[in-house]
Amino acid sequence: MPLPGLDAPPGTSCPVIVSMKGADFVLLVTEPTPFGLHDLKLAVGAVKILGIPCALIINRSDMGDDRVREYASSEGVPVLMEIPFDRKIAESYSRGELIVEAMPEWKKRFGDLFHRIEGVISQGTSTESQDV
């Protein structure tokens, strides 16, 4: 029986490494900023050492620059979803609502993300980058 998903802070602190150990897959989430890129590099390095397939979601994807995308491409880490900055998303999140309940149009996008993750796991390697 698969274990439930675990959430961890950015970077490679002890809780992050413990969360990754034994995982079948790691979904990394970052923003396209210098700080996001720094933490992403650390996390990708840890995932590679642990030998776990991974992929990336870029949050607030319409802010910052392309360095996160370029790094992910150079490391073979597929970008499975990009979430633009959206005030409605931020407001629903601040109220503790699920995005798919506040904005039903996101339900299919997250369903598609799930299937892309299944593809990465079944291949044991990266898949083609997917922008949502």
N, C-alpha and C. Protein backbone atom coordinates (compact mmCIF):
# COMPACT_ATOMS: atom_id res chain seq x y z
N MET A 1 0.85 -1.18 0.00
CA MET A 1 0.00 0.00 0.00
C MET A 1 0.90 1.25 0.00
N PRO A 2 0.67 2.19 -0.92
CA PRO A 2 1.53 3.39 -0.97
C PRO A 2 1.33 4.25 0.27
N LEU A 3 2.40 4.87 0.67
CA LEU A 3 2.32 5.80 1.78
C LEU A 3 1.68 7.10 1.31
N PRO A 4 1.08 7.84 2.23
CA PRO A 4 0.49 9.13 1.85
C PRO A 4 1.59 10.12 1.48
N GLY A 5 1.21 11.16 0.76
CA GLY A 5 2.16 12.21 0.41
C GLY A 5 2.59 12.97 1.65
N LEU A 6 3.81 13.41 1.64
CA LEU A 6 4.35 14.19 2.74
C LEU A 6 4.77 15.55 2.21
N ASP A 7 4.59 16.58 3.01
CA ASP A 7 5.00 17.93 2.64
C ASP A 7 6.19 18.31 3.49
N ALA A 8 7.12 19.02 2.89
CA ALA A 8 8.33 19.43 3.61
C ALA A 8 8.69 20.85 3.18
N PRO A 9 9.47 21.54 4.00
CA PRO A 9 9.89 22.89 3.64
C PRO A 9 10.90 22.87 2.51
N PRO A 10 11.19 24.03 1.93
CA PRO A 10 12.21 24.08 0.87
C PRO A 10 13.60 23.74 1.40
N GLY A 11 14.49 23.42 0.48
CA GLY A 11 15.88 23.19 0.85
C GLY A 11 16.17 21.74 1.16
N THR A 12 17.16 21.52 2.01
CA THR A 12 17.60 20.15 2.32
C THR A 12 17.84 19.97 3.82
N SER A 13 17.00 20.57 4.63
CA SER A 13 17.13 20.38 6.08
C SER A 13 16.81 18.92 6.43
N CYS A 14 17.08 18.56 7.66
CA CYS A 14 16.83 17.17 8.10
C CYS A 14 15.39 16.72 7.85
N PRO A 15 14.36 17.54 8.16
CA PRO A 15 12.99 17.08 7.88
C PRO A 15 12.75 16.80 6.39
N VAL A 16 13.40 17.54 5.53
CA VAL A 16 13.24 17.33 4.09
C VAL A 16 13.83 15.97 3.70
N ILE A 17 15.04 15.71 4.13
CA ILE A 17 15.69 14.44 3.79
C ILE A 17 14.92 13.26 4.36
N VAL A 18 14.44 13.37 5.59
CA VAL A 18 13.66 12.29 6.19
C VAL A 18 12.37 12.07 5.40
N SER A 19 11.75 13.16 4.93
CA SER A 19 10.53 13.04 4.12
C SER A 19 10.80 12.35 2.79
N MET A 20 11.97 12.58 2.23
CA MET A 20 12.32 11.99 0.93
C MET A 20 12.69 10.51 1.03
N LYS A 21 13.34 10.12 2.12
CA LYS A 21 13.81 8.73 2.24
C LYS A 21 12.66 7.76 2.10
N GLY A 22 12.85 6.78 1.22
CA GLY A 22 11.83 5.77 1.02
C GLY A 22 10.71 6.17 0.08
N ALA A 23 10.76 7.40 -0.45
CA ALA A 23 9.71 7.86 -1.36
C ALA A 23 9.89 7.24 -2.74
N ASP A 24 8.77 7.04 -3.41
CA ASP A 24 8.80 6.54 -4.80
C ASP A 24 9.02 7.69 -5.77
N PHE A 25 8.71 8.89 -5.33
CA PHE A 25 8.73 10.06 -6.21
C PHE A 25 8.75 11.31 -5.34
N VAL A 26 9.45 12.35 -5.82
CA VAL A 26 9.47 13.63 -5.12
C VAL A 26 8.99 14.71 -6.09
N LEU A 27 7.97 15.44 -5.69
CA LEU A 27 7.47 16.56 -6.46
C LEU A 27 8.00 17.83 -5.80
N LEU A 28 8.91 18.48 -6.51
CA LEU A 28 9.52 19.70 -6.01
C LEU A 28 8.67 20.89 -6.45
N VAL A 29 8.55 21.88 -5.59
CA VAL A 29 7.79 23.10 -5.90
C VAL A 29 8.71 24.28 -5.61
N THR A 30 8.80 25.19 -6.57
CA THR A 30 9.63 26.36 -6.38
C THR A 30 9.04 27.55 -7.11
N GLU A 31 9.60 28.69 -6.87
CA GLU A 31 9.25 29.92 -7.58
C GLU A 31 10.43 30.33 -8.44
N PRO A 32 10.19 31.05 -9.53
CA PRO A 32 11.28 31.44 -10.42
C PRO A 32 12.03 32.68 -9.92
N THR A 33 12.66 32.53 -8.76
CA THR A 33 13.41 33.60 -8.12
C THR A 33 14.80 33.08 -7.78
N PRO A 34 15.74 33.97 -7.47
CA PRO A 34 17.06 33.49 -7.04
C PRO A 34 17.00 32.57 -5.82
N PHE A 35 16.15 32.89 -4.84
CA PHE A 35 16.03 32.04 -3.66
C PHE A 35 15.41 30.70 -4.02
N GLY A 36 14.39 30.71 -4.89
CA GLY A 36 13.78 29.47 -5.34
C GLY A 36 14.77 28.59 -6.07
N LEU A 37 15.57 29.19 -6.94
CA LEU A 37 16.59 28.44 -7.68
C LEU A 37 17.63 27.84 -6.74
N HIS A 38 18.06 28.60 -5.76
CA HIS A 38 19.04 28.10 -4.79
C HIS A 38 18.52 26.86 -4.07
N ASP A 39 17.30 26.96 -3.53
CA ASP A 39 16.72 25.81 -2.82
C ASP A 39 16.47 24.64 -3.76
N LEU A 40 16.07 24.93 -5.01
CA LEU A 40 15.84 23.87 -5.98
C LEU A 40 17.13 23.11 -6.27
N LYS A 41 18.23 23.82 -6.44
CA LYS A 41 19.51 23.15 -6.70
C LYS A 41 19.88 22.20 -5.55
N LEU A 42 19.67 22.65 -4.34
CA LEU A 42 19.95 21.79 -3.18
C LEU A 42 19.06 20.55 -3.19
N ALA A 43 17.77 20.76 -3.43
CA ALA A 43 16.81 19.66 -3.40
C ALA A 43 17.08 18.66 -4.53
N VAL A 44 17.37 19.16 -5.73
CA VAL A 44 17.66 18.25 -6.85
C VAL A 44 18.92 17.44 -6.54
N GLY A 45 19.91 18.07 -5.96
CA GLY A 45 21.12 17.34 -5.58
C GLY A 45 20.81 16.22 -4.59
N ALA A 46 19.96 16.50 -3.61
CA ALA A 46 19.60 15.49 -2.61
C ALA A 46 18.81 14.35 -3.25
N VAL A 47 17.86 14.69 -4.11
CA VAL A 47 17.04 13.67 -4.77
C VAL A 47 17.92 12.76 -5.62
N LYS A 48 18.89 13.35 -6.31
CA LYS A 48 19.78 12.55 -7.15
C LYS A 48 20.63 11.61 -6.30
N ILE A 49 21.13 12.10 -5.17
CA ILE A 49 21.91 11.25 -4.28
C ILE A 49 21.07 10.08 -3.78
N LEU A 50 19.80 10.36 -3.48
CA LEU A 50 18.90 9.32 -2.97
C LEU A 50 18.35 8.43 -4.10
N GLY A 51 18.54 8.83 -5.35
CA GLY A 51 18.10 8.03 -6.48
C GLY A 51 16.60 7.96 -6.66
N ILE A 52 15.91 9.06 -6.38
CA ILE A 52 14.45 9.09 -6.45
C ILE A 52 14.02 9.90 -7.67
N PRO A 53 13.10 9.37 -8.47
CA PRO A 53 12.58 10.17 -9.58
C PRO A 53 11.90 11.43 -9.04
N CYS A 54 12.02 12.53 -9.79
CA CYS A 54 11.40 13.77 -9.33
C CYS A 54 10.91 14.57 -10.52
N ALA A 55 10.10 15.56 -10.22
CA ALA A 55 9.62 16.52 -11.20
C ALA A 55 9.35 17.81 -10.46
N LEU A 56 8.94 18.82 -11.20
CA LEU A 56 8.86 20.17 -10.65
C LEU A 56 7.54 20.84 -10.98
N ILE A 57 7.04 21.60 -10.02
CA ILE A 57 5.97 22.57 -10.23
C ILE A 57 6.58 23.94 -10.00
N ILE A 58 6.31 24.87 -10.91
CA ILE A 58 6.77 26.24 -10.72
C ILE A 58 5.57 27.08 -10.31
N ASN A 59 5.62 27.56 -9.09
CA ASN A 59 4.56 28.40 -8.54
C ASN A 59 4.88 29.86 -8.85
N ARG A 60 3.85 30.66 -9.03
CA ARG A 60 4.01 32.07 -9.42
C ARG A 60 4.90 32.15 -10.66
N SER A 61 4.60 31.29 -11.62
CA SER A 61 5.46 31.09 -12.79
C SER A 61 5.61 32.31 -13.68
N ASP A 62 4.70 33.25 -13.57
CA ASP A 62 4.78 34.44 -14.42
C ASP A 62 5.58 35.57 -13.77
N MET A 63 6.22 35.29 -12.66
CA MET A 63 7.07 36.27 -11.99
C MET A 63 8.52 35.79 -12.12
N GLY A 64 9.47 36.63 -11.84
CA GLY A 64 10.87 36.21 -11.86
C GLY A 64 11.40 36.08 -13.27
N ASP A 65 12.28 35.08 -13.47
CA ASP A 65 12.92 34.91 -14.77
C ASP A 65 12.92 33.43 -15.16
N ASP A 66 13.67 33.07 -16.19
CA ASP A 66 13.67 31.70 -16.72
C ASP A 66 14.77 30.81 -16.17
N ARG A 67 15.54 31.28 -15.19
CA ARG A 67 16.67 30.47 -14.71
C ARG A 67 16.24 29.15 -14.09
N VAL A 68 15.08 29.12 -13.42
CA VAL A 68 14.59 27.86 -12.83
C VAL A 68 14.27 26.87 -13.95
N ARG A 69 13.59 27.32 -14.99
CA ARG A 69 13.26 26.44 -16.11
C ARG A 69 14.53 25.93 -16.79
N GLU A 70 15.48 26.83 -17.01
CA GLU A 70 16.74 26.44 -17.66
C GLU A 70 17.49 25.41 -16.81
N TYR A 71 17.53 25.63 -15.49
CA TYR A 71 18.21 24.68 -14.61
C TYR A 71 17.51 23.32 -14.65
N ALA A 72 16.17 23.33 -14.55
CA ALA A 72 15.42 22.07 -14.56
C ALA A 72 15.70 21.31 -15.86
N SER A 73 15.69 22.01 -16.96
CA SER A 73 15.97 21.37 -18.26
C SER A 73 17.37 20.78 -18.29
N SER A 74 18.35 21.53 -17.80
CA SER A 74 19.74 21.05 -17.83
C SER A 74 19.94 19.83 -16.93
N GLU A 75 19.12 19.69 -15.90
CA GLU A 75 19.24 18.56 -14.98
C GLU A 75 18.29 17.41 -15.32
N GLY A 76 17.50 17.58 -16.37
CA GLY A 76 16.55 16.53 -16.74
C GLY A 76 15.38 16.41 -15.80
N VAL A 77 15.03 17.49 -15.11
CA VAL A 77 13.89 17.50 -14.19
C VAL A 77 12.69 18.08 -14.94
N PRO A 78 11.67 17.27 -15.20
CA PRO A 78 10.54 17.78 -15.96
C PRO A 78 9.70 18.78 -15.16
N VAL A 79 9.25 19.80 -15.83
CA VAL A 79 8.31 20.76 -15.24
C VAL A 79 6.92 20.25 -15.60
N LEU A 80 6.20 19.75 -14.61
CA LEU A 80 4.90 19.15 -14.86
C LEU A 80 3.75 20.14 -14.79
N MET A 81 3.97 21.25 -14.11
CA MET A 81 2.91 22.24 -14.00
C MET A 81 3.52 23.59 -13.68
N GLU A 82 2.91 24.62 -14.24
CA GLU A 82 3.25 25.99 -13.88
C GLU A 82 1.97 26.66 -13.41
N ILE A 83 2.05 27.27 -12.24
CA ILE A 83 0.90 27.96 -11.66
C ILE A 83 1.23 29.44 -11.64
N PRO A 84 0.50 30.25 -12.42
CA PRO A 84 0.79 31.69 -12.43
C PRO A 84 0.32 32.35 -11.14
N PHE A 85 0.87 33.54 -10.88
CA PHE A 85 0.36 34.31 -9.75
C PHE A 85 -1.07 34.70 -10.08
N ASP A 86 -1.97 34.43 -9.16
CA ASP A 86 -3.38 34.74 -9.35
C ASP A 86 -3.96 35.14 -8.00
N ARG A 87 -4.50 36.32 -7.95
CA ARG A 87 -5.05 36.83 -6.68
C ARG A 87 -6.14 35.90 -6.13
N LYS A 88 -6.96 35.33 -7.02
CA LYS A 88 -8.01 34.43 -6.57
C LYS A 88 -7.44 33.19 -5.90
N ILE A 89 -6.34 32.68 -6.44
CA ILE A 89 -5.68 31.53 -5.81
C ILE A 89 -5.17 31.92 -4.42
N ALA A 90 -4.51 33.07 -4.33
CA ALA A 90 -3.96 33.52 -3.05
C ALA A 90 -5.07 33.75 -2.03
N GLU A 91 -6.17 34.33 -2.46
CA GLU A 91 -7.29 34.58 -1.54
C GLU A 91 -7.91 33.28 -1.05
N SER A 92 -8.10 32.32 -1.97
CA SER A 92 -8.70 31.05 -1.55
C SER A 92 -7.76 30.30 -0.60
N TYR A 93 -6.46 30.35 -0.91
CA TYR A 93 -5.48 29.70 -0.03
C TYR A 93 -5.49 30.33 1.36
N SER A 94 -5.58 31.67 1.41
CA SER A 94 -5.55 32.35 2.71
C SER A 94 -6.80 32.04 3.55
N ARG A 95 -7.88 31.64 2.88
CA ARG A 95 -9.10 31.24 3.59
C ARG A 95 -9.10 29.75 3.93
N GLY A 96 -8.04 29.04 3.55
CA GLY A 96 -7.95 27.61 3.83
C GLY A 96 -8.74 26.75 2.87
N GLU A 97 -9.12 27.31 1.73
CA GLU A 97 -9.89 26.57 0.73
C GLU A 97 -8.96 25.85 -0.24
N LEU A 98 -9.41 24.75 -0.76
CA LEU A 98 -8.68 24.08 -1.82
C LEU A 98 -8.90 24.85 -3.12
N ILE A 99 -7.85 24.97 -3.91
CA ILE A 99 -7.96 25.69 -5.18
C ILE A 99 -9.04 25.07 -6.05
N VAL A 100 -9.13 23.75 -6.08
CA VAL A 100 -10.09 23.09 -6.96
C VAL A 100 -11.53 23.34 -6.53
N GLU A 101 -11.75 23.71 -5.28
CA GLU A 101 -13.10 24.06 -4.83
C GLU A 101 -13.41 25.52 -5.13
N ALA A 102 -12.44 26.39 -4.91
CA ALA A 102 -12.64 27.81 -5.17
C ALA A 102 -12.62 28.14 -6.66
N MET A 103 -11.83 27.36 -7.41
CA MET A 103 -11.67 27.60 -8.84
C MET A 103 -11.77 26.24 -9.55
N PRO A 104 -12.98 25.77 -9.82
CA PRO A 104 -13.17 24.41 -10.38
C PRO A 104 -12.40 24.14 -11.67
N GLU A 105 -12.04 25.16 -12.41
CA GLU A 105 -11.29 24.94 -13.65
C GLU A 105 -9.92 24.32 -13.40
N TRP A 106 -9.43 24.37 -12.17
CA TRP A 106 -8.14 23.79 -11.83
C TRP A 106 -8.24 22.29 -11.54
N LYS A 107 -9.44 21.77 -11.36
CA LYS A 107 -9.59 20.34 -11.04
C LYS A 107 -8.98 19.46 -12.12
N LYS A 108 -9.28 19.73 -13.39
CA LYS A 108 -8.72 18.93 -14.48
C LYS A 108 -7.20 19.08 -14.54
N ARG A 109 -6.70 20.27 -14.29
CA ARG A 109 -5.25 20.50 -14.34
C ARG A 109 -4.53 19.65 -13.30
N PHE A 110 -5.09 19.59 -12.09
CA PHE A 110 -4.46 18.77 -11.06
C PHE A 110 -4.64 17.28 -11.34
N GLY A 111 -5.76 16.90 -11.95
CA GLY A 111 -5.93 15.51 -12.38
C GLY A 111 -4.89 15.12 -13.42
N ASP A 112 -4.66 16.04 -14.38
CA ASP A 112 -3.63 15.80 -15.39
C ASP A 112 -2.25 15.70 -14.74
N LEU A 113 -1.99 16.53 -13.73
CA LEU A 113 -0.71 16.48 -13.01
C LEU A 113 -0.53 15.10 -12.39
N PHE A 114 -1.57 14.58 -11.78
CA PHE A 114 -1.50 13.25 -11.17
C PHE A 114 -1.08 12.20 -12.20
N HIS A 115 -1.67 12.27 -13.39
CA HIS A 115 -1.33 11.29 -14.44
C HIS A 115 0.10 11.49 -14.95
N ARG A 116 0.57 12.71 -14.99
CA ARG A 116 1.96 12.95 -15.39
C ARG A 116 2.92 12.37 -14.35
N ILE A 117 2.57 12.53 -13.09
CA ILE A 117 3.40 11.96 -12.01
C ILE A 117 3.44 10.44 -12.14
N GLU A 118 2.30 9.83 -12.40
CA GLU A 118 2.27 8.37 -12.61
C GLU A 118 3.21 7.98 -13.75
N GLY A 119 3.24 8.80 -14.81
CA GLY A 119 4.12 8.52 -15.93
C GLY A 119 5.58 8.59 -15.56
N VAL A 120 5.95 9.59 -14.77
CA VAL A 120 7.34 9.72 -14.33
C VAL A 120 7.73 8.52 -13.47
N ILE A 121 6.84 8.12 -12.57
CA ILE A 121 7.14 6.99 -11.69
C ILE A 121 7.27 5.70 -12.49
N SER A 122 6.36 5.48 -13.41
CA SER A 122 6.39 4.22 -14.17
C SER A 122 7.61 4.14 -15.09
N GLN A 123 8.08 5.30 -15.58
CA GLN A 123 9.25 5.31 -16.43
C GLN A 123 10.54 5.27 -15.62
N GLY A 124 10.47 5.76 -14.40
CA GLY A 124 11.66 5.83 -13.56
C GLY A 124 12.63 6.91 -14.04
N THR A 125 12.19 7.68 -15.02
CA THR A 125 13.02 8.77 -15.57
C THR A 125 12.12 9.98 -15.76
N SER A 126 12.69 11.02 -16.31
CA SER A 126 11.92 12.24 -16.54
C SER A 126 10.99 12.08 -17.73
N THR A 127 9.98 12.94 -17.77
CA THR A 127 9.08 13.01 -18.92
C THR A 127 9.20 14.39 -19.51
N GLU A 128 8.57 14.57 -20.65
CA GLU A 128 8.63 15.86 -21.32
C GLU A 128 8.02 16.94 -20.46
N SER A 129 8.59 18.13 -20.48
CA SER A 129 8.07 19.26 -19.72
C SER A 129 6.65 19.59 -20.15
N GLN A 130 5.79 19.84 -19.19
CA GLN A 130 4.39 20.17 -19.47
C GLN A 130 4.05 21.49 -18.81
N ASP A 131 3.63 22.44 -19.60
CA ASP A 131 3.19 23.73 -19.05
C ASP A 131 1.68 23.70 -18.90
N VAL A 132 1.18 24.12 -17.75
CA VAL A 132 -0.25 24.20 -17.52
C VAL A 132 -0.59 25.63 -17.21
